[in-house]
PDB file of N, CA and C in Angstrom:
ATOM      1  N   MET A   1       0.808  -1.190   0.000  1.00  0.00           N
ATOM      2  CA  MET A   1       0.000   0.000   0.000  1.00  0.00           C
ATOM      3  C   MET A   1       0.856   1.261   0.000  1.00  0.00           C
ATOM      4  N   LYS A   2       2.072   1.187   0.520  1.00  0.00           N
ATOM      5  CA  LYS A   2       2.925   2.369   0.526  1.00  0.00           C
ATOM      6  C   LYS A   2       3.243   2.818  -0.896  1.00  0.00           C
ATOM      7  N   LEU A   3       3.479   1.865  -1.796  1.00  0.00           N
ATOM      8  CA  LEU A   3       3.753   2.206  -3.184  1.00  0.00           C
ATOM      9  C   LEU A   3       2.528   2.840  -3.836  1.00  0.00           C
ATOM     10  N   PHE A   4       1.354   2.340  -3.526  1.00  0.00           N
ATOM     11  CA  PHE A   4       0.116   2.892  -4.085  1.00  0.00           C
ATOM     12  C   PHE A   4      -0.093   4.325  -3.608  1.00  0.00           C
ATOM     13  N   LYS A   5       0.277   4.626  -2.359  1.00  0.00           N
ATOM     14  CA  LYS A   5       0.137   5.980  -1.844  1.00  0.00           C
ATOM     15  C   LYS A   5       1.022   6.963  -2.598  1.00  0.00           C
ATOM     16  N   ILE A   6       2.148   6.474  -3.112  1.00  0.00           N
ATOM     17  CA  ILE A   6       3.093   7.345  -3.807  1.00  0.00           C
ATOM     18  C   ILE A   6       2.710   7.531  -5.266  1.00  0.00           C
ATOM     19  N   VAL A   7       2.283   6.471  -5.942  1.00  0.00           N
ATOM     20  CA  VAL A   7       2.083   6.524  -7.393  1.00  0.00           C
ATOM     21  C   VAL A   7       0.622   6.415  -7.826  1.00  0.00           C
ATOM     22  N   TYR A   8      -0.319   6.743  -6.961  1.00  0.00           N
ATOM     23  CA  TYR A   8      -1.726   6.635  -7.343  1.00  0.00           C
ATOM     24  C   TYR A   8      -2.070   7.583  -8.487  1.00  0.00           C
ATOM     25  N   TRP A   9      -1.395   8.704  -8.618  1.00  0.00           N
ATOM     26  CA  TRP A   9      -1.684   9.681  -9.657  1.00  0.00           C
ATOM     27  C   TRP A   9      -1.246   9.202 -11.036  1.00  0.00           C
ATOM     28  N   LEU A  10      -0.404   8.157 -11.106  1.00  0.00           N
ATOM     29  CA  LEU A  10       0.023   7.607 -12.396  1.00  0.00           C
ATOM     30  C   LEU A  10      -1.010   6.675 -13.021  1.00  0.00           C
ATOM     31  N   ILE A  11      -1.993   6.262 -12.272  1.00  0.00           N
ATOM     32  CA  ILE A  11      -2.967   5.305 -12.778  1.00  0.00           C
ATOM     33  C   ILE A  11      -3.793   5.914 -13.909  1.00  0.00           C
ATOM     34  N   TYR A  12      -4.155   7.178 -13.788  1.00  0.00           N
ATOM     35  CA  TYR A  12      -4.974   7.829 -14.819  1.00  0.00           C
ATOM     36  C   TYR A  12      -4.293   7.831 -16.192  1.00  0.00           C
ATOM     37  N   PRO A  13      -3.040   8.299 -16.323  1.00  0.00           N
ATOM     38  CA  PRO A  13      -2.413   8.251 -17.653  1.00  0.00           C
ATOM     39  C   PRO A  13      -2.152   6.832 -18.153  1.00  0.00           C
ATOM     40  N   ILE A  14      -1.864   5.921 -17.248  1.00  0.00           N
ATOM     41  CA  ILE A  14      -1.641   4.529 -17.657  1.00  0.00           C
ATOM     42  C   ILE A  14      -2.932   3.936 -18.222  1.00  0.00           C
ATOM     43  N   LEU A  15      -4.059   4.232 -17.583  1.00  0.00           N
ATOM     44  CA  LEU A  15      -5.341   3.745 -18.082  1.00  0.00           C
ATOM     45  C   LEU A  15      -5.682   4.342 -19.444  1.00  0.00           C
ATOM     46  N   ILE A  16      -5.359   5.612 -19.654  1.00  0.00           N
ATOM     47  CA  ILE A  16      -5.626   6.225 -20.955  1.00  0.00           C
ATOM     48  C   ILE A  16      -4.843   5.513 -22.051  1.00  0.00           C
ATOM     49  N   VAL A  17      -3.560   5.278 -21.815  1.00  0.00           N
ATOM     50  CA  VAL A  17      -2.735   4.597 -22.818  1.00  0.00           C
ATOM     51  C   VAL A  17      -3.225   3.173 -23.045  1.00  0.00           C
ATOM     52  N   MET A  18      -3.583   2.483 -21.974  1.00  0.00           N
ATOM     53  CA  MET A  18      -4.059   1.107 -22.096  1.00  0.00           C
ATOM     54  C   MET A  18      -5.358   1.045 -22.921  1.00  0.00           C
ATOM     55  N   PHE A  19      -6.303   1.946 -22.638  1.00  0.00           N
ATOM     56  CA  PHE A  19      -7.544   1.964 -23.399  1.00  0.00           C
ATOM     57  C   PHE A  19      -7.311   2.376 -24.845  1.00  0.00           C
ATOM     58  N   MET A  20      -6.371   3.270 -25.090  1.00  0.00           N
ATOM     59  CA  MET A  20      -6.050   3.655 -26.471  1.00  0.00           C
ATOM     60  C   MET A  20      -5.538   2.444 -27.251  1.00  0.00           C
ATOM     61  N   LEU A  21      -4.672   1.653 -26.632  1.00  0.00           N
ATOM     62  CA  LEU A  21      -4.155   0.453 -27.297  1.00  0.00           C
ATOM     63  C   LEU A  21      -5.259  -0.574 -27.539  1.00  0.00           C
ATOM     64  N   ILE A  22      -6.143  -0.731 -26.563  1.00  0.00           N
ATOM     65  CA  ILE A  22      -7.253  -1.679 -26.722  1.00  0.00           C
ATOM     66  C   ILE A  22      -8.195  -1.228 -27.832  1.00  0.00           C
ATOM     67  N   PHE A  23      -8.559   0.057 -27.841  1.00  0.00           N
ATOM     68  CA  PHE A  23      -9.447   0.563 -28.887  1.00  0.00           C
ATOM     69  C   PHE A  23      -8.797   0.500 -30.261  1.00  0.00           C
ATOM     70  N   ASP A  24      -7.491   0.659 -30.320  1.00  0.00           N
ATOM     71  CA  ASP A  24      -6.786   0.580 -31.593  1.00  0.00           C
ATOM     72  C   ASP A  24      -6.860  -0.838 -32.170  1.00  0.00           C
ATOM     73  N   GLN A  25      -6.827  -1.839 -31.298  1.00  0.00           N
ATOM     74  CA  GLN A  25      -6.895  -3.222 -31.750  1.00  0.00           C
ATOM     75  C   GLN A  25      -8.330  -3.666 -32.051  1.00  0.00           C
ATOM     76  N   LEU A  26      -9.294  -3.205 -31.267  1.00  0.00           N
ATOM     77  CA  LEU A  26     -10.666  -3.685 -31.416  1.00  0.00           C
ATOM     78  C   LEU A  26     -11.455  -2.957 -32.499  1.00  0.00           C
ATOM     79  N   PHE A  27     -11.326  -1.640 -32.550  1.00  0.00           N
ATOM     80  CA  PHE A  27     -12.134  -0.856 -33.473  1.00  0.00           C
ATOM     81  C   PHE A  27     -11.265  -0.322 -34.602  1.00  0.00           C
ATOM     82  N   GLU A  28     -11.807  -0.341 -35.798  1.00  0.00           N
ATOM     83  CA  GLU A  28     -11.058   0.112 -36.962  1.00  0.00           C
ATOM     84  C   GLU A  28     -11.457   1.534 -37.328  1.00  0.00           C
ATOM     85  N   THR A  29     -11.229   2.451 -36.430  1.00  0.00           N
ATOM     86  CA  THR A  29     -11.503   3.856 -36.698  1.00  0.00           C
ATOM     87  C   THR A  29     -10.187   4.615 -36.770  1.00  0.00           C
ATOM     88  N   ASN A  30     -10.115   5.541 -37.684  1.00  0.00           N
ATOM     89  CA  ASN A  30      -8.902   6.337 -37.828  1.00  0.00           C
ATOM     90  C   ASN A  30      -9.024   7.689 -37.146  1.00  0.00           C
ATOM     91  N   ASN A  31     -10.136   7.933 -36.508  1.00  0.00           N
ATOM     92  CA  ASN A  31     -10.366   9.201 -35.841  1.00  0.00           C
ATOM     93  C   ASN A  31      -9.706   9.167 -34.463  1.00  0.00           C
ATOM     94  N   PHE A  32      -8.617   9.901 -34.333  1.00  0.00           N
ATOM     95  CA  PHE A  32      -7.850   9.923 -33.084  1.00  0.00           C
ATOM     96  C   PHE A  32      -8.632  10.587 -31.954  1.00  0.00           C
ATOM     97  N   ILE A  33      -9.426  11.589 -32.292  1.00  0.00           N
ATOM     98  CA  ILE A  33     -10.163  12.325 -31.265  1.00  0.00           C
ATOM     99  C   ILE A  33     -11.201  11.424 -30.594  1.00  0.00           C
ATOM    100  N   VAL A  34     -11.860  10.577 -31.354  1.00  0.00           N
ATOM    101  CA  VAL A  34     -12.857   9.666 -30.784  1.00  0.00           C
ATOM    102  C   VAL A  34     -12.178   8.650 -29.865  1.00  0.00           C
ATOM    103  N   LYS A  35     -11.044   8.088 -30.307  1.00  0.00           N
ATOM    104  CA  LYS A  35     -10.331   7.123 -29.473  1.00  0.00           C
ATOM    105  C   LYS A  35      -9.803   7.767 -28.197  1.00  0.00           C
ATOM    106  N   ALA A  36      -9.218   8.943 -28.329  1.00  0.00           N
ATOM    107  CA  ALA A  36      -8.655   9.626 -27.157  1.00  0.00           C
ATOM    108  C   ALA A  36      -9.757  10.063 -26.195  1.00  0.00           C
ATOM    109  N   GLY A  37     -10.859  10.556 -26.717  1.00  0.00           N
ATOM    110  CA  GLY A  37     -11.961  10.992 -25.863  1.00  0.00           C
ATOM    111  C   GLY A  37     -12.608   9.855 -25.102  1.00  0.00           C
ATOM    112  N   SER A  38     -12.874   8.769 -25.797  1.00  0.00           N
ATOM    113  CA  SER A  38     -13.495   7.626 -25.115  1.00  0.00           C
ATOM    114  C   SER A  38     -12.525   6.993 -24.126  1.00  0.00           C
ATOM    115  N   SER A  39     -11.257   6.969 -24.449  1.00  0.00           N
ATOM    116  CA  SER A  39     -10.256   6.439 -23.515  1.00  0.00           C
ATOM    117  C   SER A  39     -10.143   7.316 -22.278  1.00  0.00           C
ATOM    118  N   ALA A  40     -10.186   8.617 -22.456  1.00  0.00           N
ATOM    119  CA  ALA A  40     -10.101   9.536 -21.319  1.00  0.00           C
ATOM    120  C   ALA A  40     -11.316   9.420 -20.412  1.00  0.00           C
ATOM    121  N   VAL A  41     -12.497   9.257 -21.002  1.00  0.00           N
ATOM    122  CA  VAL A  41     -13.709   9.119 -20.190  1.00  0.00           C
ATOM    123  C   VAL A  41     -13.673   7.822 -19.386  1.00  0.00           C
ATOM    124  N   LEU A  42     -13.309   6.721 -20.011  1.00  0.00           N
ATOM    125  CA  LEU A  42     -13.217   5.449 -19.291  1.00  0.00           C
ATOM    126  C   LEU A  42     -12.139   5.495 -18.214  1.00  0.00           C
ATOM    127  N   ALA A  43     -11.005   6.103 -18.515  1.00  0.00           N
ATOM    128  CA  ALA A  43      -9.934   6.213 -17.526  1.00  0.00           C
ATOM    129  C   ALA A  43     -10.361   7.092 -16.356  1.00  0.00           C
ATOM    130  N   PHE A  44     -11.114   8.146 -16.630  1.00  0.00           N
ATOM    131  CA  PHE A  44     -11.591   9.009 -15.551  1.00  0.00           C
ATOM    132  C   PHE A  44     -12.556   8.258 -14.640  1.00  0.00           C
ATOM    133  N   ILE A  45     -13.418   7.442 -15.211  1.00  0.00           N
ATOM    134  CA  ILE A  45     -14.382   6.677 -14.417  1.00  0.00           C
ATOM    135  C   ILE A  45     -13.669   5.641 -13.551  1.00  0.00           C
ATOM    136  N   LEU A  46     -12.648   4.996 -14.086  1.00  0.00           N
ATOM    137  CA  LEU A  46     -11.977   3.920 -13.364  1.00  0.00           C
ATOM    138  C   LEU A  46     -10.775   4.378 -12.536  1.00  0.00           C
ATOM    139  N   SER A  47     -10.411   5.645 -12.563  1.00  0.00           N
ATOM    140  CA  SER A  47      -9.241   6.113 -11.821  1.00  0.00           C
ATOM    141  C   SER A  47      -9.591   6.378 -10.359  1.00  0.00           C
ATOM    142  N   PRO A  48      -8.587   6.340  -9.477  1.00  0.00           N
ATOM    143  CA  PRO A  48      -8.849   6.599  -8.056  1.00  0.00           C
ATOM    144  C   PRO A  48      -9.195   8.066  -7.800  1.00  0.00           C
ATOM    145  N   ARG A  49      -9.956   8.294  -6.747  1.00  0.00           N
ATOM    146  CA  ARG A  49     -10.360   9.645  -6.361  1.00  0.00           C
ATOM    147  C   ARG A  49      -9.681  10.018  -5.040  1.00  0.00           C
ATOM    148  N   LYS A  50      -9.315  11.279  -4.923  1.00  0.00           N
ATOM    149  CA  LYS A  50      -8.739  11.784  -3.687  1.00  0.00           C
ATOM    150  C   LYS A  50      -9.761  12.701  -3.035  1.00  0.00           C
ATOM    151  N   LYS A  51     -10.119  12.389  -1.804  1.00  0.00           N
ATOM    152  CA  LYS A  51     -11.110  13.171  -1.071  1.00  0.00           C
ATOM    153  C   LYS A  51     -10.465  13.733   0.189  1.00  0.00           C
ATOM    154  N   ILE A  52     -10.905  14.916   0.581  1.00  0.00           N
ATOM    155  CA  ILE A  52     -10.479  15.516   1.842  1.00  0.00           C
ATOM    156  C   ILE A  52     -11.655  15.426   2.798  1.00  0.00           C
ATOM    157  N   ILE A  53     -11.421  14.763   3.930  1.00  0.00           N
ATOM    158  CA  ILE A  53     -12.481  14.516   4.898  1.00  0.00           C
ATOM    159  C   ILE A  53     -12.138  15.233   6.196  1.00  0.00           C
ATOM    160  N   GLN A  54     -13.117  15.943   6.742  1.00  0.00           N
ATOM    161  CA  GLN A  54     -12.936  16.643   8.008  1.00  0.00           C
ATOM    162  C   GLN A  54     -13.222  15.698   9.161  1.00  0.00           C
ATOM    163  N   THR A  55     -12.252  15.516  10.054  1.00  0.00           N
ATOM    164  CA  THR A  55     -12.421  14.682  11.240  1.00  0.00           C
ATOM    165  C   THR A  55     -12.145  15.524  12.480  1.00  0.00           C
ATOM    166  N   GLU A  56     -12.190  14.892  13.631  1.00  0.00           N
ATOM    167  CA  GLU A  56     -11.905  15.609  14.871  1.00  0.00           C
ATOM    168  C   GLU A  56     -10.447  16.061  14.934  1.00  0.00           C
ATOM    169  N   LYS A  57      -9.558  15.296  14.324  1.00  0.00           N
ATOM    170  CA  LYS A  57      -8.138  15.626  14.343  1.00  0.00           C
ATOM    171  C   LYS A  57      -7.767  16.670  13.302  1.00  0.00           C
ATOM    172  N   GLY A  58      -8.613  16.883  12.349  1.00  0.00           N
ATOM    173  CA  GLY A  58      -8.347  17.837  11.279  1.00  0.00           C
ATOM    174  C   GLY A  58      -8.735  17.249   9.942  1.00  0.00           C
ATOM    175  N   LYS A  59      -8.176  17.822   8.892  1.00  0.00           N
ATOM    176  CA  LYS A  59      -8.477  17.341   7.551  1.00  0.00           C
ATOM    177  C   LYS A  59      -7.553  16.171   7.195  1.00  0.00           C
ATOM    178  N   ILE A  60      -8.151  15.117   6.634  1.00  0.00           N
ATOM    179  CA  ILE A  60      -7.414  13.920   6.220  1.00  0.00           C
ATOM    180  C   ILE A  60      -7.717  13.662   4.750  1.00  0.00           C
ATOM    181  N   LYS A  61      -6.680  13.359   3.991  1.00  0.00           N
ATOM    182  CA  LYS A  61      -6.861  13.008   2.583  1.00  0.00           C
ATOM    183  C   LYS A  61      -7.044  11.502   2.484  1.00  0.00           C
ATOM    184  N   GLN A  62      -8.034  11.102   1.708  1.00  0.00           N
ATOM    185  CA  GLN A  62      -8.306   9.682   1.486  1.00  0.00           C
ATOM    186  C   GLN A  62      -8.343   9.402   0.001  1.00  0.00           C
ATOM    187  N   ILE A  63      -7.851   8.215  -0.368  1.00  0.00           N
ATOM    188  CA  ILE A  63      -7.930   7.755  -1.748  1.00  0.00           C
ATOM    189  C   ILE A  63      -8.962   6.639  -1.792  1.00  0.00           C
ATOM    190  N   THR A  64      -9.972   6.806  -2.618  1.00  0.00           N
ATOM    191  CA  THR A  64     -10.976   5.768  -2.827  1.00  0.00           C
ATOM    192  C   THR A  64     -10.885   5.320  -4.278  1.00  0.00           C
ATOM    193  N   TRP A  65     -11.114   4.043  -4.479  1.00  0.00           N
ATOM    194  CA  TRP A  65     -11.016   3.485  -5.807  1.00  0.00           C
ATOM    195  C   TRP A  65     -12.027   2.367  -5.931  1.00  0.00           C
ATOM    196  N   LEU A  66     -12.454   2.100  -7.137  1.00  0.00           N
ATOM    197  CA  LEU A  66     -13.426   1.055  -7.405  1.00  0.00           C
ATOM    198  C   LEU A  66     -12.914  -0.314  -6.961  1.00  0.00           C
ATOM    199  N   PHE A  67     -11.614  -0.542  -7.082  1.00  0.00           N
ATOM    200  CA  PHE A  67     -11.032  -1.849  -6.812  1.00  0.00           C
ATOM    201  C   PHE A  67     -10.484  -2.002  -5.398  1.00  0.00           C
ATOM    202  N   LEU A  68     -10.663  -1.016  -4.534  1.00  0.00           N
ATOM    203  CA  LEU A  68     -10.225  -1.104  -3.143  1.00  0.00           C
ATOM    204  C   LEU A  68     -11.428  -1.331  -2.242  1.00  0.00           C
ATOM    205  N   ARG A  69     -11.248  -2.159  -1.234  1.00  0.00           N
ATOM    206  CA  ARG A  69     -12.348  -2.403  -0.300  1.00  0.00           C
ATOM    207  C   ARG A  69     -12.513  -1.246   0.674  1.00  0.00           C
ATOM    208  N   GLU A  70     -11.388  -0.738   1.192  1.00  0.00           N
ATOM    209  CA  GLU A  70     -11.431   0.358   2.147  1.00  0.00           C
ATOM    210  C   GLU A  70     -10.598   1.520   1.615  1.00  0.00           C
ATOM    211  N   PRO A  71     -10.964   2.741   1.957  1.00  0.00           N
ATOM    212  CA  PRO A  71     -10.157   3.874   1.507  1.00  0.00           C
ATOM    213  C   PRO A  71      -8.798   3.881   2.185  1.00  0.00           C
ATOM    214  N   ILE A  72      -7.826   4.469   1.487  1.00  0.00           N
ATOM    215  CA  ILE A  72      -6.471   4.574   2.006  1.00  0.00           C
ATOM    216  C   ILE A  72      -6.260   6.005   2.462  1.00  0.00           C
ATOM    217  N   GLY A  73      -5.767   6.175   3.687  1.00  0.00           N
ATOM    218  CA  GLY A  73      -5.515   7.503   4.212  1.00  0.00           C
ATOM    219  C   GLY A  73      -4.101   7.970   3.887  1.00  0.00           C
ATOM    220  N   LEU A  74      -3.991   9.204   3.452  1.00  0.00           N
ATOM    221  CA  LEU A  74      -2.694   9.817   3.184  1.00  0.00           C
ATOM    222  C   LEU A  74      -2.313  10.705   4.356  1.00  0.00           C
ATOM    223  N   ASP A  75      -1.040  10.862   4.563  1.00  0.00           N
ATOM    224  CA  ASP A  75      -0.567  11.737   5.659  1.00  0.00           C
ATOM    225  C   ASP A  75      -0.556  13.176   5.242  1.00  0.00           C
TER     226      ASP A  75
END
């Protein structure tokens, strides 16, 4: 989890590139804007979110993701 806390922001660009490669293989469209737009939307939906939550101790940053069971707290 320590590595995920450091590189969680890299997941969004990695997902965009991965979806671009998948769409390039599956669909035979030459329109780059359609591939990039649909890849960006899917990557945005599946990327982790960073939330700031107010607690008794103060503000805490949390990372929530579709594939995580519990949110991860950042320092």
